[in-house]
Amino acid sequence: MADWVYIIVRAFSALVILFVLTRNFGKKQISQLTFFEYVLGLTIGDLAGSMSTDVEANFAHGLIALLVW
């Protein structure tokens, strides 16, 4: 499979996982977030971005990291 197709599939998978995690966090305005929740959101977003664009990394390891955070 071409790298660009692989990146699209990984990015879509990461997006679906982020939507599921976001639904579990609940609906809050940015002004209502605590500092910990804000940093948590940034970290999860960075992990999802890394796992969707780094084709040499194992996707399962990125998924485990998202679930741990």
C-alpha atoms as a PDB file:
ATOM      1  CA  MET A   1       0.000   0.000   0.000  1.00  0.00           C
ATOM      2  CA  ALA A   2       1.258   3.493  -0.799  1.00  0.00           C
ATOM      3  CA  ASP A   3       2.402   5.626   2.132  1.00  0.00           C
ATOM      4  CA  TRP A   4      -0.175   8.346   1.466  1.00  0.00           C
ATOM      5  CA  VAL A   5      -3.037   5.833   1.574  1.00  0.00           C
ATOM      6  CA  TYR A   6      -1.637   4.362   4.774  1.00  0.00           C
ATOM      7  CA  ILE A   7      -1.474   7.855   6.331  1.00  0.00           C
ATOM      8  CA  ILE A   8      -5.090   8.569   5.333  1.00  0.00           C
ATOM      9  CA  VAL A   9      -6.299   5.327   6.907  1.00  0.00           C
ATOM     10  CA  ARG A  10      -4.289   5.950  10.083  1.00  0.00           C
ATOM     11  CA  ALA A  11      -5.452   9.582  10.333  1.00  0.00           C
ATOM     12  CA  PHE A  12      -9.105   8.602   9.902  1.00  0.00           C
ATOM     13  CA  SER A  13      -8.730   5.896  12.548  1.00  0.00           C
ATOM     14  CA  ALA A  14      -7.094   8.365  14.940  1.00  0.00           C
ATOM     15  CA  LEU A  15      -9.895  10.869  14.299  1.00  0.00           C
ATOM     16  CA  VAL A  16     -12.566   8.305  15.138  1.00  0.00           C
ATOM     17  CA  ILE A  17     -10.717   7.384  18.341  1.00  0.00           C
ATOM     18  CA  LEU A  18     -10.438  11.075  19.281  1.00  0.00           C
ATOM     19  CA  PHE A  19     -14.186  11.551  18.755  1.00  0.00           C
ATOM     20  CA  VAL A  20     -14.921   8.601  21.049  1.00  0.00           C
ATOM     21  CA  LEU A  21     -12.545   9.915  23.729  1.00  0.00           C
ATOM     22  CA  THR A  22     -13.999  13.414  23.459  1.00  0.00           C
ATOM     23  CA  ARG A  23     -17.532  12.119  23.957  1.00  0.00           C
ATOM     24  CA  ASN A  24     -16.374  10.389  27.146  1.00  0.00           C
ATOM     25  CA  PHE A  25     -14.853  13.598  28.526  1.00  0.00           C
ATOM     26  CA  GLY A  26     -18.163  15.435  28.270  1.00  0.00           C
ATOM     27  CA  LYS A  27     -19.070  18.808  26.869  1.00  0.00           C
ATOM     28  CA  LYS A  28     -17.221  21.774  28.323  1.00  0.00           C
ATOM     29  CA  GLN A  29     -16.267  25.197  27.119  1.00  0.00           C
ATOM     30  CA  ILE A  30     -12.558  25.936  26.939  1.00  0.00           C
ATOM     31  CA  SER A  31     -12.942  28.463  29.759  1.00  0.00           C
ATOM     32  CA  GLN A  32     -14.360  25.709  31.992  1.00  0.00           C
ATOM     33  CA  LEU A  33     -11.401  23.357  31.550  1.00  0.00           C
ATOM     34  CA  THR A  34      -8.944  22.887  34.363  1.00  0.00           C
ATOM     35  CA  PHE A  35      -5.246  23.157  33.600  1.00  0.00           C
ATOM     36  CA  PHE A  36      -4.929  19.363  33.817  1.00  0.00           C
ATOM     37  CA  GLU A  37      -7.756  18.796  31.310  1.00  0.00           C
ATOM     38  CA  TYR A  38      -6.220  21.337  28.940  1.00  0.00           C
ATOM     39  CA  VAL A  39      -2.796  19.662  29.068  1.00  0.00           C
ATOM     40  CA  LEU A  40      -4.469  16.264  28.714  1.00  0.00           C
ATOM     41  CA  GLY A  41      -6.223  17.420  25.540  1.00  0.00           C
ATOM     42  CA  LEU A  42      -3.001  18.766  24.074  1.00  0.00           C
ATOM     43  CA  THR A  43      -1.158  15.543  24.864  1.00  0.00           C
ATOM     44  CA  ILE A  44      -3.848  13.335  23.354  1.00  0.00           C
ATOM     45  CA  GLY A  45      -3.934  15.501  20.229  1.00  0.00           C
ATOM     46  CA  ASP A  46      -0.169  15.293  19.864  1.00  0.00           C
ATOM     47  CA  LEU A  47      -0.238  11.517  20.280  1.00  0.00           C
ATOM     48  CA  ALA A  48      -2.971  11.184  17.669  1.00  0.00           C
ATOM     49  CA  GLY A  49      -1.057  13.387  15.230  1.00  0.00           C
ATOM     50  CA  SER A  50       2.129  11.419  15.727  1.00  0.00           C
ATOM     51  CA  MET A  51       0.489   8.042  15.315  1.00  0.00           C
ATOM     52  CA  SER A  52      -1.324   9.084  12.149  1.00  0.00           C
ATOM     53  CA  THR A  53       1.661  10.554  10.277  1.00  0.00           C
ATOM     54  CA  ASP A  54       4.570   8.377  11.440  1.00  0.00           C
ATOM     55  CA  VAL A  55       4.278   5.384   9.108  1.00  0.00           C
ATOM     56  CA  GLU A  56       7.282   3.647  10.658  1.00  0.00           C
ATOM     57  CA  ALA A  57       5.746   3.588  14.137  1.00  0.00           C
ATOM     58  CA  ASN A  58       3.455   0.805  15.260  1.00  0.00           C
ATOM     59  CA  PHE A  59      -0.204   1.916  15.218  1.00  0.00           C
ATOM     60  CA  ALA A  60      -1.087  -0.354  18.151  1.00  0.00           C
ATOM     61  CA  HIS A  61       1.532   1.334  20.344  1.00  0.00           C
ATOM     62  CA  GLY A  62      -0.023   4.730  19.575  1.00  0.00           C
ATOM     63  CA  LEU A  63      -3.472   3.368  20.353  1.00  0.00           C
ATOM     64  CA  ILE A  64      -2.278   2.038  23.703  1.00  0.00           C
ATOM     65  CA  ALA A  65      -0.716   5.405  24.508  1.00  0.00           C
ATOM     66  CA  LEU A  66      -4.008   7.177  23.724  1.00  0.00           C
ATOM     67  CA  LEU A  67      -5.968   4.815  25.921  1.00  0.00           C
ATOM     68  CA  VAL A  68      -3.515   5.213  28.803  1.00  0.00           C
ATOM     69  CA  TRP A  69      -3.701   9.012  28.660  1.00  0.00           C
END
